[in-house]
mmCIF file of all heavy atoms, coordinates in Angstrom:
data_MODEL
# 
_entry.id   MODEL 
# 
loop_
_atom_site.group_PDB 
_atom_site.id 
_atom_site.type_symbol 
_atom_site.label_atom_id 
_atom_site.label_alt_id 
_atom_site.label_comp_id 
_atom_site.label_asym_id 
_atom_site.label_entity_id 
_atom_site.label_seq_id 
_atom_site.pdbx_PDB_ins_code 
_atom_site.Cartn_x 
_atom_site.Cartn_y 
_atom_site.Cartn_z 
_atom_site.occupancy 
_atom_site.B_iso_or_equiv 
_atom_site.pdbx_formal_charge 
_atom_site.auth_seq_id 
_atom_site.auth_comp_id 
_atom_site.auth_asym_id 
_atom_site.auth_atom_id 
_atom_site.pdbx_PDB_model_num 
ATOM 1   N N   . ASN A 1 1  ? 80.892 111.427 118.000 1.00 0.00 ? 1  ASN A N   1 
ATOM 2   C CA  . ASN A 1 1  ? 80.299 110.411 118.878 1.00 0.00 ? 1  ASN A CA  1 
ATOM 3   C C   . ASN A 1 1  ? 81.288 109.951 119.948 1.00 0.00 ? 1  ASN A C   1 
ATOM 4   O O   . ASN A 1 1  ? 80.905 109.699 121.098 1.00 0.00 ? 1  ASN A O   1 
ATOM 5   C CB  . ASN A 1 1  ? 79.839 109.221 118.045 1.00 0.00 ? 1  ASN A CB  1 
ATOM 6   C CG  . ASN A 1 1  ? 78.635 109.557 117.176 1.00 0.00 ? 1  ASN A CG  1 
ATOM 7   O OD1 . ASN A 1 1  ? 77.911 110.502 117.462 1.00 0.00 ? 1  ASN A OD1 1 
ATOM 8   N ND2 . ASN A 1 1  ? 78.422 108.791 116.114 1.00 0.00 ? 1  ASN A ND2 1 
ATOM 9   N N   . LEU A 1 2  ? 82.572 109.836 119.540 1.00 0.00 ? 2  LEU A N   1 
ATOM 10  C CA  . LEU A 1 2  ? 83.586 109.444 120.528 1.00 0.00 ? 2  LEU A CA  1 
ATOM 11  C C   . LEU A 1 2  ? 83.696 110.489 121.635 1.00 0.00 ? 2  LEU A C   1 
ATOM 12  O O   . LEU A 1 2  ? 83.784 110.168 122.815 1.00 0.00 ? 2  LEU A O   1 
ATOM 13  C CB  . LEU A 1 2  ? 84.944 109.256 119.840 1.00 0.00 ? 2  LEU A CB  1 
ATOM 14  C CG  . LEU A 1 2  ? 85.100 107.998 118.977 1.00 0.00 ? 2  LEU A CG  1 
ATOM 15  C CD1 . LEU A 1 2  ? 86.444 108.014 118.270 1.00 0.00 ? 2  LEU A CD1 1 
ATOM 16  C CD2 . LEU A 1 2  ? 84.995 106.754 119.860 1.00 0.00 ? 2  LEU A CD2 1 
ATOM 17  N N   . TYR A 1 3  ? 83.700 111.782 121.264 1.00 0.00 ? 3  TYR A N   1 
ATOM 18  C CA  . TYR A 1 3  ? 83.761 112.847 122.256 1.00 0.00 ? 3  TYR A CA  1 
ATOM 19  C C   . TYR A 1 3  ? 82.534 112.830 123.158 1.00 0.00 ? 3  TYR A C   1 
ATOM 20  O O   . TYR A 1 3  ? 82.614 113.047 124.368 1.00 0.00 ? 3  TYR A O   1 
ATOM 21  C CB  . TYR A 1 3  ? 83.888 114.211 121.568 1.00 0.00 ? 3  TYR A CB  1 
ATOM 22  C CG  . TYR A 1 3  ? 85.319 114.609 121.298 1.00 0.00 ? 3  TYR A CG  1 
ATOM 23  C CD1 . TYR A 1 3  ? 85.916 114.262 120.096 1.00 0.00 ? 3  TYR A CD1 1 
ATOM 24  C CD2 . TYR A 1 3  ? 86.070 115.302 122.246 1.00 0.00 ? 3  TYR A CD2 1 
ATOM 25  C CE1 . TYR A 1 3  ? 87.231 114.601 119.825 1.00 0.00 ? 3  TYR A CE1 1 
ATOM 26  C CE2 . TYR A 1 3  ? 87.392 115.651 121.993 1.00 0.00 ? 3  TYR A CE2 1 
ATOM 27  C CZ  . TYR A 1 3  ? 87.966 115.292 120.781 1.00 0.00 ? 3  TYR A CZ  1 
ATOM 28  O OH  . TYR A 1 3  ? 89.258 115.632 120.528 1.00 0.00 ? 3  TYR A OH  1 
ATOM 29  N N   . SER A 1 4  ? 81.365 112.540 122.543 1.00 0.00 ? 4  SER A N   1 
ATOM 30  C CA  . SER A 1 4  ? 80.126 112.498 123.335 1.00 0.00 ? 4  SER A CA  1 
ATOM 31  C C   . SER A 1 4  ? 80.181 111.376 124.348 1.00 0.00 ? 4  SER A C   1 
ATOM 32  O O   . SER A 1 4  ? 79.780 111.534 125.506 1.00 0.00 ? 4  SER A O   1 
ATOM 33  C CB  . SER A 1 4  ? 78.922 112.308 122.405 1.00 0.00 ? 4  SER A CB  1 
ATOM 34  O OG  . SER A 1 4  ? 78.804 113.403 121.519 1.00 0.00 ? 4  SER A OG  1 
ATOM 35  N N   . VAL A 1 5  ? 80.693 110.192 123.913 1.00 0.00 ? 5  VAL A N   1 
ATOM 36  C CA  . VAL A 1 5  ? 80.809 109.054 124.835 1.00 0.00 ? 5  VAL A CA  1 
ATOM 37  C C   . VAL A 1 5  ? 81.749 109.380 125.982 1.00 0.00 ? 5  VAL A C   1 
ATOM 38  O O   . VAL A 1 5  ? 81.471 109.123 127.157 1.00 0.00 ? 5  VAL A O   1 
ATOM 39  C CB  . VAL A 1 5  ? 81.283 107.806 124.075 1.00 0.00 ? 5  VAL A CB  1 
ATOM 40  C CG1 . VAL A 1 5  ? 81.641 106.683 125.043 1.00 0.00 ? 5  VAL A CG1 1 
ATOM 41  C CG2 . VAL A 1 5  ? 80.203 107.336 123.109 1.00 0.00 ? 5  VAL A CG2 1 
ATOM 42  N N   . ASN A 1 6  ? 82.901 109.986 125.640 1.00 0.00 ? 6  ASN A N   1 
ATOM 43  C CA  . ASN A 1 6  ? 83.872 110.339 126.691 1.00 0.00 ? 6  ASN A CA  1 
ATOM 44  C C   . ASN A 1 6  ? 83.286 111.350 127.664 1.00 0.00 ? 6  ASN A C   1 
ATOM 45  O O   . ASN A 1 6  ? 83.485 111.277 128.881 1.00 0.00 ? 6  ASN A O   1 
ATOM 46  C CB  . ASN A 1 6  ? 85.137 110.916 126.050 1.00 0.00 ? 6  ASN A CB  1 
ATOM 47  C CG  . ASN A 1 6  ? 85.901 109.857 125.277 1.00 0.00 ? 6  ASN A CG  1 
ATOM 48  O OD1 . ASN A 1 6  ? 85.777 108.674 125.565 1.00 0.00 ? 6  ASN A OD1 1 
ATOM 49  N ND2 . ASN A 1 6  ? 86.689 110.285 124.293 1.00 0.00 ? 6  ASN A ND2 1 
ATOM 50  N N   . ALA A 1 7  ? 82.544 112.306 127.123 1.00 0.00 ? 7  ALA A N   1 
ATOM 51  C CA  . ALA A 1 7  ? 81.936 113.326 127.984 1.00 0.00 ? 7  ALA A CA  1 
ATOM 52  C C   . ALA A 1 7  ? 80.900 112.699 128.908 1.00 0.00 ? 7  ALA A C   1 
ATOM 53  O O   . ALA A 1 7  ? 80.816 113.035 130.089 1.00 0.00 ? 7  ALA A O   1 
ATOM 54  C CB  . ALA A 1 7  ? 81.296 114.416 127.113 1.00 0.00 ? 7  ALA A CB  1 
ATOM 55  N N   . ASN A 1 8  ? 80.109 111.775 128.405 1.00 0.00 ? 8  ASN A N   1 
ATOM 56  C CA  . ASN A 1 8  ? 79.082 111.109 129.224 1.00 0.00 ? 8  ASN A CA  1 
ATOM 57  C C   . ASN A 1 8  ? 79.714 110.294 130.335 1.00 0.00 ? 8  ASN A C   1 
ATOM 58  O O   . ASN A 1 8  ? 79.181 110.203 131.444 1.00 0.00 ? 8  ASN A O   1 
ATOM 59  C CB  . ASN A 1 8  ? 78.215 110.214 128.344 1.00 0.00 ? 8  ASN A CB  1 
ATOM 60  C CG  . ASN A 1 8  ? 77.312 111.027 127.430 1.00 0.00 ? 8  ASN A CG  1 
ATOM 61  O OD1 . ASN A 1 8  ? 77.008 112.183 127.726 1.00 0.00 ? 8  ASN A OD1 1 
ATOM 62  N ND2 . ASN A 1 8  ? 76.913 110.429 126.308 1.00 0.00 ? 8  ASN A ND2 1 
ATOM 63  N N   . HIS A 1 9  ? 80.877 109.652 130.023 1.00 0.00 ? 9  HIS A N   1 
ATOM 64  C CA  . HIS A 1 9  ? 81.550 108.864 131.060 1.00 0.00 ? 9  HIS A CA  1 
ATOM 65  C C   . HIS A 1 9  ? 82.040 109.751 132.194 1.00 0.00 ? 9  HIS A C   1 
ATOM 66  O O   . HIS A 1 9  ? 82.070 109.337 133.357 1.00 0.00 ? 9  HIS A O   1 
ATOM 67  C CB  . HIS A 1 9  ? 82.742 108.108 130.456 1.00 0.00 ? 9  HIS A CB  1 
ATOM 68  C CG  . HIS A 1 9  ? 82.311 106.859 129.758 1.00 0.00 ? 9  HIS A CG  1 
ATOM 69  N ND1 . HIS A 1 9  ? 81.542 105.895 130.351 1.00 0.00 ? 9  HIS A ND1 1 
ATOM 70  C CD2 . HIS A 1 9  ? 82.529 106.424 128.485 1.00 0.00 ? 9  HIS A CD2 1 
ATOM 71  C CE1 . HIS A 1 9  ? 81.302 104.901 129.502 1.00 0.00 ? 9  HIS A CE1 1 
ATOM 72  N NE2 . HIS A 1 9  ? 81.886 105.213 128.351 1.00 0.00 ? 9  HIS A NE2 1 
ATOM 73  N N   . ARG A 1 10 ? 82.429 110.993 131.841 1.00 0.00 ? 10 ARG A N   1 
ATOM 74  C CA  . ARG A 1 10 ? 82.984 111.873 132.877 1.00 0.00 ? 10 ARG A CA  1 
ATOM 75  C C   . ARG A 1 10 ? 81.910 112.606 133.672 1.00 0.00 ? 10 ARG A C   1 
ATOM 76  O O   . ARG A 1 10 ? 82.184 113.239 134.675 1.00 0.00 ? 10 ARG A O   1 
ATOM 77  C CB  . ARG A 1 10 ? 83.927 112.901 132.231 1.00 0.00 ? 10 ARG A CB  1 
ATOM 78  C CG  . ARG A 1 10 ? 85.250 112.301 131.778 1.00 0.00 ? 10 ARG A CG  1 
ATOM 79  C CD  . ARG A 1 10 ? 86.263 113.416 131.530 1.00 0.00 ? 10 ARG A CD  1 
ATOM 80  N NE  . ARG A 1 10 ? 85.779 114.342 130.519 1.00 0.00 ? 10 ARG A NE  1 
ATOM 81  C CZ  . ARG A 1 10 ? 85.967 114.157 129.209 1.00 0.00 ? 10 ARG A CZ  1 
ATOM 82  N NH1 . ARG A 1 10 ? 86.584 113.081 128.776 1.00 0.00 ? 10 ARG A NH1 1 
ATOM 83  N NH2 . ARG A 1 10 ? 85.503 115.032 128.341 1.00 0.00 ? 10 ARG A NH2 1 
ATOM 84  N N   . LYS A 1 11 ? 80.675 112.544 133.203 1.00 0.00 ? 11 LYS A N   1 
ATOM 85  C CA  . LYS A 1 11 ? 79.598 113.242 133.915 1.00 0.00 ? 11 LYS A CA  1 
ATOM 86  C C   . LYS A 1 11 ? 79.361 112.596 135.285 1.00 0.00 ? 11 LYS A C   1 
ATOM 87  O O   . LYS A 1 11 ? 79.323 111.377 135.396 1.00 0.00 ? 11 LYS A O   1 
ATOM 88  C CB  . LYS A 1 11 ? 78.307 113.205 133.094 1.00 0.00 ? 11 LYS A CB  1 
ATOM 89  C CG  . LYS A 1 11 ? 78.355 114.129 131.891 1.00 0.00 ? 11 LYS A CG  1 
ATOM 90  C CD  . LYS A 1 11 ? 77.065 114.045 131.088 1.00 0.00 ? 11 LYS A CD  1 
ATOM 91  C CE  . LYS A 1 11 ? 77.125 114.937 129.874 1.00 0.00 ? 11 LYS A CE  1 
ATOM 92  N NZ  . LYS A 1 11 ? 75.907 114.841 129.050 1.00 0.00 ? 11 LYS A NZ  1 
ATOM 93  N N   . ASN A 1 12 ? 79.179 113.436 136.299 1.00 0.00 ? 12 ASN A N   1 
ATOM 94  C CA  . ASN A 1 12 ? 78.965 112.953 137.656 1.00 0.00 ? 12 ASN A CA  1 
ATOM 95  C C   . ASN A 1 12 ? 78.016 113.923 138.361 1.00 0.00 ? 12 ASN A C   1 
ATOM 96  O O   . ASN A 1 12 ? 78.184 115.128 138.283 1.00 0.00 ? 12 ASN A O   1 
ATOM 97  C CB  . ASN A 1 12 ? 80.317 112.904 138.401 1.00 0.00 ? 12 ASN A CB  1 
ATOM 98  C CG  . ASN A 1 12 ? 80.196 112.169 139.724 1.00 0.00 ? 12 ASN A CG  1 
ATOM 99  O OD1 . ASN A 1 12 ? 79.338 112.501 140.537 1.00 0.00 ? 12 ASN A OD1 1 
ATOM 100 N ND2 . ASN A 1 12 ? 81.067 111.195 139.927 1.00 0.00 ? 12 ASN A ND2 1 
ATOM 101 N N   . VAL A 1 13 ? 77.015 113.367 139.013 1.00 0.00 ? 13 VAL A N   1 
ATOM 102 C CA  . VAL A 1 13 ? 76.023 114.242 139.663 1.00 0.00 ? 13 VAL A CA  1 
ATOM 103 C C   . VAL A 1 13 ? 76.633 115.087 140.766 1.00 0.00 ? 13 VAL A C   1 
ATOM 104 O O   . VAL A 1 13 ? 76.070 116.104 141.160 1.00 0.00 ? 13 VAL A O   1 
ATOM 105 C CB  . VAL A 1 13 ? 74.863 113.399 140.246 1.00 0.00 ? 13 VAL A CB  1 
ATOM 106 C CG1 . VAL A 1 13 ? 74.088 112.722 139.136 1.00 0.00 ? 13 VAL A CG1 1 
ATOM 107 C CG2 . VAL A 1 13 ? 75.379 112.368 141.248 1.00 0.00 ? 13 VAL A CG2 1 
ATOM 108 N N   . PHE A 1 14 ? 77.797 114.649 141.294 1.00 0.00 ? 14 PHE A N   1 
ATOM 109 C CA  . PHE A 1 14 ? 78.436 115.397 142.377 1.00 0.00 ? 14 PHE A CA  1 
ATOM 110 C C   . PHE A 1 14 ? 79.411 116.438 141.844 1.00 0.00 ? 14 PHE A C   1 
ATOM 111 O O   . PHE A 1 14 ? 80.027 117.159 142.599 1.00 0.00 ? 14 PHE A O   1 
ATOM 112 C CB  . PHE A 1 14 ? 79.178 114.430 143.320 1.00 0.00 ? 14 PHE A CB  1 
ATOM 113 C CG  . PHE A 1 14 ? 78.253 113.419 143.928 1.00 0.00 ? 14 PHE A CG  1 
ATOM 114 C CD1 . PHE A 1 14 ? 78.263 112.098 143.507 1.00 0.00 ? 14 PHE A CD1 1 
ATOM 115 C CD2 . PHE A 1 14 ? 77.345 113.798 144.928 1.00 0.00 ? 14 PHE A CD2 1 
ATOM 116 C CE1 . PHE A 1 14 ? 77.410 111.184 144.067 1.00 0.00 ? 14 PHE A CE1 1 
ATOM 117 C CE2 . PHE A 1 14 ? 76.490 112.872 145.476 1.00 0.00 ? 14 PHE A CE2 1 
ATOM 118 C CZ  . PHE A 1 14 ? 76.520 111.550 145.044 1.00 0.00 ? 14 PHE A CZ  1 
ATOM 119 N N   . ARG A 1 15 ? 79.620 116.452 140.460 1.00 0.00 ? 15 ARG A N   1 
ATOM 120 C CA  . ARG A 1 15 ? 80.591 117.393 139.899 1.00 0.00 ? 15 ARG A CA  1 
ATOM 121 C C   . ARG A 1 15 ? 79.919 118.212 138.819 1.00 0.00 ? 15 ARG A C   1 
ATOM 122 O O   . ARG A 1 15 ? 79.306 117.647 137.908 1.00 0.00 ? 15 ARG A O   1 
ATOM 123 C CB  . ARG A 1 15 ? 81.770 116.604 139.306 1.00 0.00 ? 15 ARG A CB  1 
ATOM 124 C CG  . ARG A 1 15 ? 82.885 117.505 138.771 1.00 0.00 ? 15 ARG A CG  1 
ATOM 125 C CD  . ARG A 1 15 ? 84.132 116.670 138.512 1.00 0.00 ? 15 ARG A CD  1 
ATOM 126 N NE  . ARG A 1 15 ? 83.922 115.743 137.422 1.00 0.00 ? 15 ARG A NE  1 
ATOM 127 C CZ  . ARG A 1 15 ? 84.237 115.993 136.154 1.00 0.00 ? 15 ARG A CZ  1 
ATOM 128 N NH1 . ARG A 1 15 ? 84.734 117.176 135.825 1.00 0.00 ? 15 ARG A NH1 1 
ATOM 129 N NH2 . ARG A 1 15 ? 84.038 115.099 135.223 1.00 0.00 ? 15 ARG A NH2 1 
ATOM 130 N N   . PRO A 1 16 ? 79.955 119.495 138.904 1.00 0.00 ? 16 PRO A N   1 
ATOM 131 C CA  . PRO A 1 16 ? 79.325 120.322 137.858 1.00 0.00 ? 16 PRO A CA  1 
ATOM 132 C C   . PRO A 1 16 ? 80.062 120.171 136.533 1.00 0.00 ? 16 PRO A C   1 
ATOM 133 O O   . PRO A 1 16 ? 81.257 119.895 136.506 1.00 0.00 ? 16 PRO A O   1 
ATOM 134 C CB  . PRO A 1 16 ? 79.449 121.742 138.402 1.00 0.00 ? 16 PRO A CB  1 
ATOM 135 C CG  . PRO A 1 16 ? 80.641 121.696 139.307 1.00 0.00 ? 16 PRO A CG  1 
ATOM 136 C CD  . PRO A 1 16 ? 80.616 120.332 139.945 1.00 0.00 ? 16 PRO A CD  1 
ATOM 137 N N   . ILE A 1 17 ? 79.302 120.356 135.417 1.00 0.00 ? 17 ILE A N   1 
ATOM 138 C CA  . ILE A 1 17 ? 79.885 120.274 134.085 1.00 0.00 ? 17 ILE A CA  1 
ATOM 139 C C   . ILE A 1 17 ? 80.195 121.672 133.599 1.00 0.00 ? 17 ILE A C   1 
ATOM 140 O O   . ILE A 1 17 ? 79.303 122.519 133.521 1.00 0.00 ? 17 ILE A O   1 
ATOM 141 C CB  . ILE A 1 17 ? 78.907 119.588 133.109 1.00 0.00 ? 17 ILE A CB  1 
ATOM 142 C CG1 . ILE A 1 17 ? 78.595 118.192 133.606 1.00 0.00 ? 17 ILE A CG1 1 
ATOM 143 C CG2 . ILE A 1 17 ? 79.460 119.554 131.695 1.00 0.00 ? 17 ILE A CG2 1 
ATOM 144 C CD1 . ILE A 1 17 ? 77.518 117.498 132.796 1.00 0.00 ? 17 ILE A CD1 1 
ATOM 145 N N   . HIS A 1 18 ? 81.430 121.928 133.305 1.00 0.00 ? 18 HIS A N   1 
ATOM 146 C CA  . HIS A 1 18 ? 81.832 123.245 132.830 1.00 0.00 ? 18 HIS A CA  1 
ATOM 147 C C   . HIS A 1 18 ? 81.634 123.345 131.334 1.00 0.00 ? 18 HIS A C   1 
ATOM 148 O O   . HIS A 1 18 ? 82.118 122.510 130.563 1.00 0.00 ? 18 HIS A O   1 
ATOM 149 C CB  . HIS A 1 18 ? 83.301 123.509 133.188 1.00 0.00 ? 18 HIS A CB  1 
ATOM 150 C CG  . HIS A 1 18 ? 83.544 123.486 134.664 1.00 0.00 ? 18 HIS A CG  1 
ATOM 151 N ND1 . HIS A 1 18 ? 83.111 124.482 135.513 1.00 0.00 ? 18 HIS A ND1 1 
ATOM 152 C CD2 . HIS A 1 18 ? 84.152 122.548 135.445 1.00 0.00 ? 18 HIS A CD2 1 
ATOM 153 C CE1 . HIS A 1 18 ? 83.464 124.192 136.754 1.00 0.00 ? 18 HIS A CE1 1 
ATOM 154 N NE2 . HIS A 1 18 ? 84.089 123.011 136.738 1.00 0.00 ? 18 HIS A NE2 1 
ATOM 155 N N   . ALA A 1 19 ? 80.912 124.373 130.880 1.00 0.00 ? 19 ALA A N   1 
ATOM 156 C CA  . ALA A 1 19 ? 80.578 124.518 129.460 1.00 0.00 ? 19 ALA A CA  1 
ATOM 157 C C   . ALA A 1 19 ? 81.788 124.846 128.623 1.00 0.00 ? 19 ALA A C   1 
ATOM 158 O O   . ALA A 1 19 ? 81.786 124.668 127.420 1.00 0.00 ? 19 ALA A O   1 
ATOM 159 C CB  . ALA A 1 19 ? 79.522 125.602 129.282 1.00 0.00 ? 19 ALA A CB  1 
ATOM 160 N N   . ASP A 1 20 ? 82.865 125.342 129.291 1.00 0.00 ? 20 ASP A N   1 
ATOM 161 C CA  . ASP A 1 20 ? 83.999 125.793 128.494 1.00 0.00 ? 20 ASP A CA  1 
ATOM 162 C C   . ASP A 1 20 ? 85.178 124.827 128.560 1.00 0.00 ? 20 ASP A C   1 
ATOM 163 O O   . ASP A 1 20 ? 86.304 125.198 128.270 1.00 0.00 ? 20 ASP A O   1 
ATOM 164 C CB  . ASP A 1 20 ? 84.434 127.183 128.963 1.00 0.00 ? 20 ASP A CB  1 
ATOM 165 C CG  . ASP A 1 20 ? 84.812 127.209 130.447 1.00 0.00 ? 20 ASP A CG  1 
ATOM 166 O OD1 . ASP A 1 20 ? 84.481 126.208 131.140 1.00 0.00 ? 20 ASP A OD1 1 
ATOM 167 O OD2 . ASP A 1 20 ? 85.412 128.195 130.869 1.00 0.00 ? 20 ASP A OD2 1 
ATOM 168 N N   . ASP A 1 21 ? 84.947 123.562 129.003 1.00 0.00 ? 21 ASP A N   1 
ATOM 169 C CA  . ASP A 1 21 ? 86.069 122.635 129.058 1.00 0.00 ? 21 ASP A CA  1 
ATOM 170 C C   . ASP A 1 21 ? 86.481 122.215 127.645 1.00 0.00 ? 21 ASP A C   1 
ATOM 171 O O   . ASP A 1 21 ? 85.765 122.448 126.669 1.00 0.00 ? 21 ASP A O   1 
ATOM 172 C CB  . ASP A 1 21 ? 85.772 121.435 129.949 1.00 0.00 ? 21 ASP A CB  1 
ATOM 173 C CG  . ASP A 1 21 ? 84.681 120.562 129.394 1.00 0.00 ? 21 ASP A CG  1 
ATOM 174 O OD1 . ASP A 1 21 ? 84.353 120.695 128.204 1.00 0.00 ? 21 ASP A OD1 1 
ATOM 175 O OD2 . ASP A 1 21 ? 84.140 119.736 130.161 1.00 0.00 ? 21 ASP A OD2 1 
ATOM 176 N N   . ALA A 1 22 ? 87.655 121.605 127.519 1.00 0.00 ? 22 ALA A N   1 
ATOM 177 C CA  . ALA A 1 22 ? 88.239 121.294 126.203 1.00 0.00 ? 22 ALA A CA  1 
ATOM 178 C C   . ALA A 1 22 ? 87.363 120.346 125.394 1.00 0.00 ? 22 ALA A C   1 
ATOM 179 O O   . ALA A 1 22 ? 87.213 120.492 124.180 1.00 0.00 ? 22 ALA A O   1 
ATOM 180 C CB  . ALA A 1 22 ? 89.630 120.690 126.399 1.00 0.00 ? 22 ALA A CB  1 
ATOM 181 N N   . THR A 1 23 ? 86.753 119.367 126.085 1.00 0.00 ? 23 THR A N   1 
ATOM 182 C CA  . THR A 1 23 ? 85.925 118.393 125.377 1.00 0.00 ? 23 THR A CA  1 
ATOM 183 C C   . THR A 1 23 ? 84.702 119.055 124.762 1.00 0.00 ? 23 THR A C   1 
ATOM 184 O O   . THR A 1 23 ? 84.362 118.823 123.590 1.00 0.00 ? 23 THR A O   1 
ATOM 185 C CB  . THR A 1 23 ? 85.476 117.285 126.347 1.00 0.00 ? 23 THR A CB  1 
ATOM 186 O OG1 . THR A 1 23 ? 86.635 116.626 126.860 1.00 0.00 ? 23 THR A OG1 1 
ATOM 187 C CG2 . THR A 1 23 ? 84.601 116.260 125.619 1.00 0.00 ? 23 THR A CG2 1 
ATOM 188 N N   . THR A 1 24 ? 84.036 119.905 125.561 1.00 0.00 ? 24 THR A N   1 
ATOM 189 C CA  . THR A 1 24 ? 82.851 120.595 125.046 1.00 0.00 ? 24 THR A CA  1 
ATOM 190 C C   . THR A 1 24 ? 83.220 121.509 123.883 1.00 0.00 ? 24 THR A C   1 
ATOM 191 O O   . THR A 1 24 ? 82.508 121.595 122.880 1.00 0.00 ? 24 THR A O   1 
ATOM 192 C CB  . THR A 1 24 ? 82.184 121.405 126.161 1.00 0.00 ? 24 THR A CB  1 
ATOM 193 O OG1 . THR A 1 24 ? 81.851 120.528 127.241 1.00 0.00 ? 24 THR A OG1 1 
ATOM 194 C CG2 . THR A 1 24 ? 80.922 122.081 125.646 1.00 0.00 ? 24 THR A CG2 1 
ATOM 195 N N   . GLN A 1 25 ? 84.354 122.199 124.018 1.00 0.00 ? 25 GLN A N   1 
ATOM 196 C CA  . GLN A 1 25 ? 84.790 123.095 122.951 1.00 0.00 ? 25 GLN A CA  1 
ATOM 197 C C   . GLN A 1 25 ? 85.067 122.320 121.662 1.00 0.00 ? 25 GLN A C   1 
ATOM 198 O O   . GLN A 1 25 ? 84.656 122.732 120.569 1.00 0.00 ? 25 GLN A O   1 
ATOM 199 C CB  . GLN A 1 25 ? 86.045 123.850 123.390 1.00 0.00 ? 25 GLN A CB  1 
ATOM 200 C CG  . GLN A 1 25 ? 86.532 124.866 122.351 1.00 0.00 ? 25 GLN A CG  1 
ATOM 201 C CD  . GLN A 1 25 ? 87.745 125.626 122.820 1.00 0.00 ? 25 GLN A CD  1 
ATOM 202 O OE1 . GLN A 1 25 ? 88.177 125.494 123.964 1.00 0.00 ? 25 GLN A OE1 1 
ATOM 203 N NE2 . GLN A 1 25 ? 88.312 126.433 121.941 1.00 0.00 ? 25 GLN A NE2 1 
# 
């Protein structure tokens, strides 16, 4: 849940989300 919260905070409509970043992994 902590990782999910951090990932949601970093999400930005102007920046694509990379599926292979460290948080997602």
